[in-house]
């Protein structure tokens, strides 16, 4: 399977999950600006739910203490995206 088709499948999966289909911070900011405040809230909650499931499933991930820093937030999104890509690879 080519890299482009994996990326497209990952974006479709993200849409099905209810999160913003972005791979970079610039894409994410651009897409989040198009959403209403209610849609942003729902999308962020769905992302955090997916993150918590990933956190419970993988014991190698150590949760951060207190409020997450920018680097922790970036790492979270990378881990969620990579887990989605792994799921696509399995299929």
PDB file of N, CA and C in Angstrom:
ATOM      1  N   UNK A   1       0.834  -1.161   0.000  1.00  0.00           N
ATOM      2  CA  UNK A   1       0.000   0.000   0.000  1.00  0.00           C
ATOM      3  C   UNK A   1       0.890   1.238   0.000  1.00  0.00           C
ATOM      4  N   UNK A   2       0.546   2.200  -0.823  1.00  0.00           N
ATOM      5  CA  UNK A   2       1.379   3.397  -0.924  1.00  0.00           C
ATOM      6  C   UNK A   2       1.161   4.338   0.259  1.00  0.00           C
ATOM      7  N   UNK A   3       2.089   5.233   0.442  1.00  0.00           N
ATOM      8  CA  UNK A   3       2.025   6.183   1.563  1.00  0.00           C
ATOM      9  C   UNK A   3       0.840   7.120   1.419  1.00  0.00           C
ATOM     10  N   UNK A   4       0.517   7.496   0.201  1.00  0.00           N
ATOM     11  CA  UNK A   4      -0.606   8.406  -0.029  1.00  0.00           C
ATOM     12  C   UNK A   4      -1.922   7.735   0.334  1.00  0.00           C
ATOM     13  N   UNK A   5      -2.099   6.479  -0.055  1.00  0.00           N
ATOM     14  CA  UNK A   5      -3.351   5.793   0.263  1.00  0.00           C
ATOM     15  C   UNK A   5      -3.485   5.550   1.771  1.00  0.00           C
ATOM     16  N   UNK A   6      -2.358   5.296   2.455  1.00  0.00           N
ATOM     17  CA  UNK A   6      -2.408   5.147   3.918  1.00  0.00           C
ATOM     18  C   UNK A   6      -2.815   6.454   4.574  1.00  0.00           C
ATOM     19  N   UNK A   7      -2.277   7.553   4.065  1.00  0.00           N
ATOM     20  CA  UNK A   7      -2.597   8.868   4.616  1.00  0.00           C
ATOM     21  C   UNK A   7      -4.080   9.189   4.403  1.00  0.00           C
ATOM     22  N   UNK A   8      -4.595   8.875   3.239  1.00  0.00           N
ATOM     23  CA  UNK A   8      -6.010   9.114   2.951  1.00  0.00           C
ATOM     24  C   UNK A   8      -6.884   8.249   3.848  1.00  0.00           C
ATOM     25  N   UNK A   9      -6.514   6.982   4.005  1.00  0.00           N
ATOM     26  CA  UNK A   9      -7.280   6.096   4.880  1.00  0.00           C
ATOM     27  C   UNK A   9      -7.242   6.582   6.323  1.00  0.00           C
ATOM     28  N   UNK A  10      -6.105   7.112   6.752  1.00  0.00           N
ATOM     29  CA  UNK A  10      -5.994   7.641   8.111  1.00  0.00           C
ATOM     30  C   UNK A  10      -6.902   8.850   8.293  1.00  0.00           C
ATOM     31  N   UNK A  11      -6.950   9.719   7.304  1.00  0.00           N
ATOM     32  CA  UNK A  11      -7.822  10.888   7.397  1.00  0.00           C
ATOM     33  C   UNK A  11      -9.289  10.487   7.433  1.00  0.00           C
ATOM     34  N   UNK A  12      -9.663   9.493   6.650  1.00  0.00           N
ATOM     35  CA  UNK A  12     -11.041   9.000   6.667  1.00  0.00           C
ATOM     36  C   UNK A  12     -11.368   8.413   8.035  1.00  0.00           C
ATOM     37  N   UNK A  13     -10.436   7.652   8.583  1.00  0.00           N
ATOM     38  CA  UNK A  13     -10.619   7.059   9.912  1.00  0.00           C
ATOM     39  C   UNK A  13     -10.789   8.151  10.968  1.00  0.00           C
ATOM     40  N   UNK A  14      -9.989   9.218  10.872  1.00  0.00           N
ATOM     41  CA  UNK A  14     -10.092  10.318  11.829  1.00  0.00           C
ATOM     42  C   UNK A  14     -11.455  10.991  11.742  1.00  0.00           C
ATOM     43  N   UNK A  15     -11.959  11.170  10.529  1.00  0.00           N
ATOM     44  CA  UNK A  15     -13.281  11.765  10.353  1.00  0.00           C
ATOM     45  C   UNK A  15     -14.339  10.858  10.958  1.00  0.00           C
ATOM     46  N   UNK A  16     -14.219   9.554  10.737  1.00  0.00           N
ATOM     47  CA  UNK A  16     -15.168   8.606  11.312  1.00  0.00           C
ATOM     48  C   UNK A  16     -15.133   8.629  12.837  1.00  0.00           C
ATOM     49  N   UNK A  17     -13.945   8.852  13.401  1.00  0.00           N
ATOM     50  CA  UNK A  17     -13.795   8.906  14.860  1.00  0.00           C
ATOM     51  C   UNK A  17     -14.295  10.222  15.437  1.00  0.00           C
ATOM     52  N   UNK A  18     -14.462  11.225  14.592  1.00  0.00           N
ATOM     53  CA  UNK A  18     -14.961  12.512  15.045  1.00  0.00           C
ATOM     54  C   UNK A  18     -13.890  13.500  15.431  1.00  0.00           C
ATOM     55  N   UNK A  19     -12.650  13.247  15.005  1.00  0.00           N
ATOM     56  CA  UNK A  19     -11.578  14.200  15.306  1.00  0.00           C
ATOM     57  C   UNK A  19     -11.139  14.871  14.009  1.00  0.00           C
ATOM     58  N   UNK A  20     -10.396  15.953  14.143  1.00  0.00           N
ATOM     59  CA  UNK A  20      -9.941  16.721  12.989  1.00  0.00           C
ATOM     60  C   UNK A  20      -8.861  15.934  12.252  1.00  0.00           C
ATOM     61  N   UNK A  21      -9.035  15.733  10.938  1.00  0.00           N
ATOM     62  CA  UNK A  21      -8.058  14.936  10.178  1.00  0.00           C
ATOM     63  C   UNK A  21      -6.832  15.746   9.779  1.00  0.00           C
ATOM     64  N   UNK A  22      -5.989  16.067  10.740  1.00  0.00           N
ATOM     65  CA  UNK A  22      -4.798  16.874  10.484  1.00  0.00           C
ATOM     66  C   UNK A  22      -3.555  16.130  10.934  1.00  0.00           C
ATOM     67  N   UNK A  23      -2.489  16.278  10.159  1.00  0.00           N
ATOM     68  CA  UNK A  23      -1.217  15.643  10.502  1.00  0.00           C
ATOM     69  C   UNK A  23      -0.201  16.647  11.021  1.00  0.00           C
ATOM     70  N   UNK A  24      -0.418  17.933  10.757  1.00  0.00           N
ATOM     71  CA  UNK A  24       0.513  18.954  11.224  1.00  0.00           C
ATOM     72  C   UNK A  24      -0.231  19.977  12.071  1.00  0.00           C
ATOM     73  N   UNK A  25       0.529  20.735  12.835  1.00  0.00           N
ATOM     74  CA  UNK A  25      -0.065  21.767  13.664  1.00  0.00           C
ATOM     75  C   UNK A  25      -0.727  22.854  12.833  1.00  0.00           C
ATOM     76  N   UNK A  26      -0.128  23.183  11.693  1.00  0.00           N
ATOM     77  CA  UNK A  26      -0.702  24.200  10.809  1.00  0.00           C
ATOM     78  C   UNK A  26      -2.057  23.742  10.270  1.00  0.00           C
ATOM     79  N   UNK A  27      -2.131  22.504   9.805  1.00  0.00           N
ATOM     80  CA  UNK A  27      -3.408  21.949   9.323  1.00  0.00           C
ATOM     81  C   UNK A  27      -4.448  21.969  10.429  1.00  0.00           C
ATOM     82  N   UNK A  28      -4.041  21.561  11.619  1.00  0.00           N
ATOM     83  CA  UNK A  28      -4.957  21.499  12.749  1.00  0.00           C
ATOM     84  C   UNK A  28      -5.520  22.876  13.081  1.00  0.00           C
ATOM     85  N   UNK A  29      -4.663  23.871  13.160  1.00  0.00           N
ATOM     86  CA  UNK A  29      -5.106  25.234  13.464  1.00  0.00           C
ATOM     87  C   UNK A  29      -6.065  25.741  12.395  1.00  0.00           C
ATOM     88  N   UNK A  30      -5.726  25.503  11.153  1.00  0.00           N
ATOM     89  CA  UNK A  30      -6.550  25.956  10.037  1.00  0.00           C
ATOM     90  C   UNK A  30      -7.935  25.306  10.078  1.00  0.00           C
ATOM     91  N   UNK A  31      -7.978  24.010  10.338  1.00  0.00           N
ATOM     92  CA  UNK A  31      -9.251  23.291  10.367  1.00  0.00           C
ATOM     93  C   UNK A  31     -10.074  23.640  11.601  1.00  0.00           C
ATOM     94  N   UNK A  32      -9.416  23.806  12.742  1.00  0.00           N
ATOM     95  CA  UNK A  32     -10.141  24.147  13.963  1.00  0.00           C
ATOM     96  C   UNK A  32     -10.760  25.534  13.873  1.00  0.00           C
ATOM     97  N   UNK A  33     -10.133  26.445  13.138  1.00  0.00           N
ATOM     98  CA  UNK A  33     -10.685  27.789  12.974  1.00  0.00           C
ATOM     99  C   UNK A  33     -11.973  27.798  12.166  1.00  0.00           C
ATOM    100  N   UNK A  34     -12.216  26.748  11.386  1.00  0.00           N
ATOM    101  CA  UNK A  34     -13.443  26.687  10.595  1.00  0.00           C
ATOM    102  C   UNK A  34     -14.620  26.149  11.404  1.00  0.00           C
ATOM    103  N   UNK A  35     -14.360  25.592  12.580  1.00  0.00           N
ATOM    104  CA  UNK A  35     -15.415  25.012  13.399  1.00  0.00           C
ATOM    105  C   UNK A  35     -16.029  26.036  14.339  1.00  0.00           C
ATOM    106  N   UNK A  36     -17.300  25.810  14.703  1.00  0.00           N
ATOM    107  CA  UNK A  36     -17.930  26.661  15.709  1.00  0.00           C
ATOM    108  C   UNK A  36     -17.371  26.289  17.078  1.00  0.00           C
ATOM    109  N   UNK A  37     -17.645  27.110  18.066  1.00  0.00           N
ATOM    110  CA  UNK A  37     -17.110  26.840  19.405  1.00  0.00           C
ATOM    111  C   UNK A  37     -17.667  25.526  19.966  1.00  0.00           C
ATOM    112  N   UNK A  38     -18.919  25.213  19.686  1.00  0.00           N
ATOM    113  CA  UNK A  38     -19.512  23.958  20.148  1.00  0.00           C
ATOM    114  C   UNK A  38     -18.857  22.758  19.459  1.00  0.00           C
ATOM    115  N   UNK A  39     -18.619  22.858  18.149  1.00  0.00           N
ATOM    116  CA  UNK A  39     -17.967  21.777  17.415  1.00  0.00           C
ATOM    117  C   UNK A  39     -16.526  21.584  17.889  1.00  0.00           C
ATOM    118  N   UNK A  40     -15.833  22.692  18.196  1.00  0.00           N
ATOM    119  CA  UNK A  40     -14.468  22.602  18.716  1.00  0.00           C
ATOM    120  C   UNK A  40     -14.454  21.840  20.036  1.00  0.00           C
ATOM    121  N   UNK A  41     -15.390  22.172  20.902  1.00  0.00           N
ATOM    122  CA  UNK A  41     -15.470  21.528  22.212  1.00  0.00           C
ATOM    123  C   UNK A  41     -15.689  20.028  22.063  1.00  0.00           C
ATOM    124  N   UNK A  42     -16.613  19.647  21.196  1.00  0.00           N
ATOM    125  CA  UNK A  42     -16.914  18.234  20.984  1.00  0.00           C
ATOM    126  C   UNK A  42     -15.710  17.508  20.396  1.00  0.00           C
ATOM    127  N   UNK A  43     -15.062  18.121  19.417  1.00  0.00           N
ATOM    128  CA  UNK A  43     -13.888  17.510  18.779  1.00  0.00           C
ATOM    129  C   UNK A  43     -12.751  17.314  19.771  1.00  0.00           C
ATOM    130  N   UNK A  44     -12.507  18.322  20.606  1.00  0.00           N
ATOM    131  CA  UNK A  44     -11.441  18.207  21.603  1.00  0.00           C
ATOM    132  C   UNK A  44     -11.754  17.109  22.605  1.00  0.00           C
ATOM    133  N   UNK A  45     -13.023  16.991  23.007  1.00  0.00           N
ATOM    134  CA  UNK A  45     -13.412  15.944  23.955  1.00  0.00           C
ATOM    135  C   UNK A  45     -13.218  14.563  23.356  1.00  0.00           C
ATOM    136  N   UNK A  46     -13.564  14.404  22.069  1.00  0.00           N
ATOM    137  CA  UNK A  46     -13.386  13.112  21.402  1.00  0.00           C
ATOM    138  C   UNK A  46     -11.903  12.758  21.312  1.00  0.00           C
ATOM    139  N   UNK A  47     -11.064  13.752  21.020  1.00  0.00           N
ATOM    140  CA  UNK A  47      -9.626  13.506  20.954  1.00  0.00           C
ATOM    141  C   UNK A  47      -9.103  13.045  22.315  1.00  0.00           C
ATOM    142  N   UNK A  48      -9.516  13.738  23.376  1.00  0.00           N
ATOM    143  CA  UNK A  48      -9.049  13.358  24.719  1.00  0.00           C
ATOM    144  C   UNK A  48      -9.530  11.954  25.088  1.00  0.00           C
ATOM    145  N   UNK A  49     -10.736  11.594  24.660  1.00  0.00           N
ATOM    146  CA  UNK A  49     -11.249  10.249  24.925  1.00  0.00           C
ATOM    147  C   UNK A  49     -10.383   9.199  24.224  1.00  0.00           C
ATOM    148  N   UNK A  50     -10.027   9.465  22.987  1.00  0.00           N
ATOM    149  CA  UNK A  50      -9.158   8.545  22.241  1.00  0.00           C
ATOM    150  C   UNK A  50      -7.795   8.462  22.921  1.00  0.00           C
ATOM    151  N   UNK A  51      -7.275   9.602  23.385  1.00  0.00           N
ATOM    152  CA  UNK A  51      -5.988   9.627  24.081  1.00  0.00           C
ATOM    153  C   UNK A  51      -6.045   8.783  25.348  1.00  0.00           C
ATOM    154  N   UNK A  52      -7.117   8.915  26.128  1.00  0.00           N
ATOM    155  CA  UNK A  52      -7.228   8.137  27.373  1.00  0.00           C
ATOM    156  C   UNK A  52      -7.298   6.638  27.088  1.00  0.00           C
ATOM    157  N   UNK A  53      -8.016   6.248  26.028  1.00  0.00           N
ATOM    158  CA  UNK A  53      -8.068   4.834  25.657  1.00  0.00           C
ATOM    159  C   UNK A  53      -6.687   4.324  25.275  1.00  0.00           C
ATOM    160  N   UNK A  54      -5.947   5.134  24.526  1.00  0.00           N
ATOM    161  CA  UNK A  54      -4.587   4.764  24.132  1.00  0.00           C
ATOM    162  C   UNK A  54      -3.693   4.658  25.357  1.00  0.00           C
ATOM    163  N   UNK A  55      -3.861   5.565  26.297  1.00  0.00           N
ATOM    164  CA  UNK A  55      -3.083   5.578  27.527  1.00  0.00           C
ATOM    165  C   UNK A  55      -3.330   4.309  28.342  1.00  0.00           C
ATOM    166  N   UNK A  56      -4.582   3.862  28.410  1.00  0.00           N
ATOM    167  CA  UNK A  56      -4.915   2.643  29.154  1.00  0.00           C
ATOM    168  C   UNK A  56      -4.400   1.396  28.444  1.00  0.00           C
ATOM    169  N   UNK A  57      -4.426   1.426  27.116  1.00  0.00           N
ATOM    170  CA  UNK A  57      -4.042   0.247  26.334  1.00  0.00           C
ATOM    171  C   UNK A  57      -2.533   0.025  26.320  1.00  0.00           C
ATOM    172  N   UNK A  58      -1.766   1.103  26.311  1.00  0.00           N
ATOM    173  CA  UNK A  58      -0.313   0.996  26.186  1.00  0.00           C
ATOM    174  C   UNK A  58       0.341   1.388  27.509  1.00  0.00           C
ATOM    175  N   UNK A  59       0.916   0.427  28.202  1.00  0.00           N
ATOM    176  CA  UNK A  59       1.507   0.702  29.520  1.00  0.00           C
ATOM    177  C   UNK A  59       2.880   1.374  29.433  1.00  0.00           C
ATOM    178  N   UNK A  60       3.423   1.521  28.232  1.00  0.00           N
ATOM    179  CA  UNK A  60       4.712   2.193  28.079  1.00  0.00           C
ATOM    180  C   UNK A  60       4.566   3.711  28.153  1.00  0.00           C
ATOM    181  N   UNK A  61       3.355   4.224  27.940  1.00  0.00           N
ATOM    182  CA  UNK A  61       3.115   5.667  27.964  1.00  0.00           C
ATOM    183  C   UNK A  61       2.921   6.107  29.409  1.00  0.00           C
ATOM    184  N   UNK A  62       3.671   7.093  29.811  1.00  0.00           N
ATOM    185  CA  UNK A  62       3.573   7.618  31.172  1.00  0.00           C
ATOM    186  C   UNK A  62       2.821   8.940  31.110  1.00  0.00           C
ATOM    187  N   UNK A  63       1.689   9.046  31.801  1.00  0.00           N
ATOM    188  CA  UNK A  63       0.931  10.305  31.759  1.00  0.00           C
ATOM    189  C   UNK A  63       1.685  11.433  32.458  1.00  0.00           C
ATOM    190  N   UNK A  64       1.483  12.644  31.972  1.00  0.00           N
ATOM    191  CA  UNK A  64       2.165  13.796  32.566  1.00  0.00           C
ATOM    192  C   UNK A  64       1.417  14.258  33.815  1.00  0.00           C
ATOM    193  N   UNK A  65       2.132  14.915  34.695  1.00  0.00           N
ATOM    194  CA  UNK A  65       1.556  15.430  35.941  1.00  0.00           C
ATOM    195  C   UNK A  65       0.994  16.827  35.698  1.00  0.00           C
ATOM    196  N   UNK A  66      -0.157  17.132  36.245  1.00  0.00           N
ATOM    197  CA  UNK A  66      -0.733  18.473  36.137  1.00  0.00           C
ATOM    198  C   UNK A  66      -1.148  18.809  34.716  1.00  0.00           C
ATOM    199  N   UNK A  67      -1.052  20.088  34.378  1.00  0.00           N
ATOM    200  CA  UNK A  67      -1.417  20.523  33.035  1.00  0.00           C
ATOM    201  C   UNK A  67      -0.321  20.169  32.046  1.00  0.00           C
ATOM    202  N   UNK A  68      -0.698  19.658  30.873  1.00  0.00           N
ATOM    203  CA  UNK A  68       0.322  19.276  29.892  1.00  0.00           C
ATOM    204  C   UNK A  68       0.965  20.499  29.241  1.00  0.00           C
ATOM    205  N   UNK A  69       2.245  20.397  28.959  1.00  0.00           N
ATOM    206  CA  UNK A  69       2.966  21.467  28.264  1.00  0.00           C
ATOM    207  C   UNK A  69       2.710  21.344  26.763  1.00  0.00           C
ATOM    208  N   UNK A  70       3.227  22.291  26.000  1.00  0.00           N
ATOM    209  CA  UNK A  70       3.051  22.249  24.544  1.00  0.00           C
ATOM    210  C   UNK A  70       3.679  20.994  23.950  1.00  0.00           C
ATOM    211  N   UNK A  71       4.829  20.606  24.474  1.00  0.00           N
ATOM    212  CA  UNK A  71       5.479  19.412  23.939  1.00  0.00           C
ATOM    213  C   UNK A  71       4.673  18.150  24.260  1.00  0.00           C
ATOM    214  N   UNK A  72       4.065  18.108  25.453  1.00  0.00           N
ATOM    215  CA  UNK A  72       3.217  16.964  25.786  1.00  0.00           C
ATOM    216  C   UNK A  72       2.006  16.893  24.859  1.00  0.00           C
ATOM    217  N   UNK A  73       1.402  18.040  24.584  1.00  0.00           N
ATOM    218  CA  UNK A  73       0.249  18.064  23.689  1.00  0.00           C
ATOM    219  C   UNK A  73       0.630  17.606  22.284  1.00  0.00           C
ATOM    220  N   UNK A  74       1.797  18.067  21.818  1.00  0.00           N
ATOM    221  CA  UNK A  74       2.261  17.653  20.497  1.00  0.00           C
ATOM    222  C   UNK A  74       2.532  16.153  20.476  1.00  0.00           C
ATOM    223  N   UNK A  75       3.149  15.645  21.536  1.00  0.00           N
ATOM    224  CA  UNK A  75       3.429  14.215  21.613  1.00  0.00           C
ATOM    225  C   UNK A  75       2.140  13.399  21.653  1.00  0.00           C
ATOM    226  N   UNK A  76       1.130  13.912  22.343  1.00  0.00           N
ATOM    227  CA  UNK A  76      -0.165  13.224  22.370  1.00  0.00           C
ATOM    228  C   UNK A  76      -0.714  13.062  20.961  1.00  0.00           C
ATOM    229  N   UNK A  77      -0.724  14.154  20.212  1.00  0.00           N
ATOM    230  CA  UNK A  77      -1.288  14.080  18.868  1.00  0.00           C
ATOM    231  C   UNK A  77      -0.475  13.135  17.987  1.00  0.00           C
ATOM    232  N   UNK A  78       0.842  13.143  18.150  1.00  0.00           N
ATOM    233  CA  UNK A  78       1.682  12.221  17.372  1.00  0.00           C
ATOM    234  C   UNK A  78       1.371  10.767  17.719  1.00  0.00           C
ATOM    235  N   UNK A  79       1.169  10.498  19.004  1.00  0.00           N
ATOM    236  CA  UNK A  79       0.868   9.128  19.422  1.00  0.00           C
ATOM    237  C   UNK A  79      -0.499   8.674  18.918  1.00  0.00           C
ATOM    238  N   UNK A  80      -1.480   9.555  18.948  1.00  0.00           N
ATOM    239  CA  UNK A  80      -2.810   9.193  18.455  1.00  0.00           C
ATOM    240  C   UNK A  80      -2.750   8.938  16.954  1.00  0.00           C
ATOM    241  N   UNK A  81      -2.078   9.804  16.221  1.00  0.00           N
ATOM    242  CA  UNK A  81      -1.963   9.625  14.774  1.00  0.00           C
ATOM    243  C   UNK A  81      -1.209   8.346  14.447  1.00  0.00           C
ATOM    244  N   UNK A  82      -0.125   8.076  15.164  1.00  0.00           N
ATOM    245  CA  UNK A  82       0.629   6.853  14.882  1.00  0.00           C
ATOM    246  C   UNK A  82      -0.173   5.604  15.229  1.00  0.00           C
ATOM    247  N   UNK A  83      -1.002   5.666  16.270  1.00  0.00           N
ATOM    248  CA  UNK A  83      -1.845   4.502  16.586  1.00  0.00           C
ATOM    249  C   UNK A  83      -2.886   4.283  15.503  1.00  0.00           C
ATOM    250  N   UNK A  84      -3.415   5.358  14.935  1.00  0.00           N
ATOM    251  CA  UNK A  84      -4.379   5.226  13.827  1.00  0.00           C
ATOM    252  C   UNK A  84      -3.686   4.636  12.619  1.00  0.00           C
ATOM    253  N   UNK A  85      -2.451   5.087  12.340  1.00  0.00           N
ATOM    254  CA  UNK A  85      -1.703   4.538  11.209  1.00  0.00           C
ATOM    255  C   UNK A  85      -1.395   3.051  11.412  1.00  0.00           C
ATOM    256  N   UNK A  86      -1.090   2.657  12.651  1.00  0.00           N
ATOM    257  CA  UNK A  86      -0.841   1.242  12.943  1.00  0.00           C
ATOM    258  C   UNK A  86      -2.090   0.407  12.707  1.00  0.00           C
ATOM    259  N   UNK A  87      -3.242   0.925  13.086  1.00  0.00           N
ATOM    260  CA  UNK A  87      -4.496   0.207  12.859  1.00  0.00           C
ATOM    261  C   UNK A  87      -4.746  -0.004  11.376  1.00  0.00           C
ATOM    262  N   UNK A  88      -4.416   1.009  10.575  1.00  0.00           N
ATOM    263  CA  UNK A  88      -4.594   0.914   9.127  1.00  0.00           C
ATOM    264  C   UNK A  88      -3.640  -0.114   8.541  1.00  0.00           C
ATOM    265  N   UNK A  89      -2.421  -0.164   9.057  1.00  0.00           N
ATOM    266  CA  UNK A  89      -1.425  -1.125   8.584  1.00  0.00           C
ATOM    267  C   UNK A  89      -1.889  -2.568   8.815  1.00  0.00           C
ATOM    268  N   UNK A  90      -2.594  -2.794   9.939  1.00  0.00           N
ATOM    269  CA  UNK A  90      -3.044  -4.141  10.282  1.00  0.00           C
ATOM    270  C   UNK A  90      -4.103  -4.646   9.312  1.00  0.00           C
ATOM    271  N   UNK A  91      -4.896  -3.745   8.782  1.00  0.00           N
ATOM    272  CA  UNK A  91      -6.013  -4.135   7.905  1.00  0.00           C
ATOM    273  C   UNK A  91      -5.557  -4.475   6.545  1.00  0.00           C
TER     274      UNK A  91
END
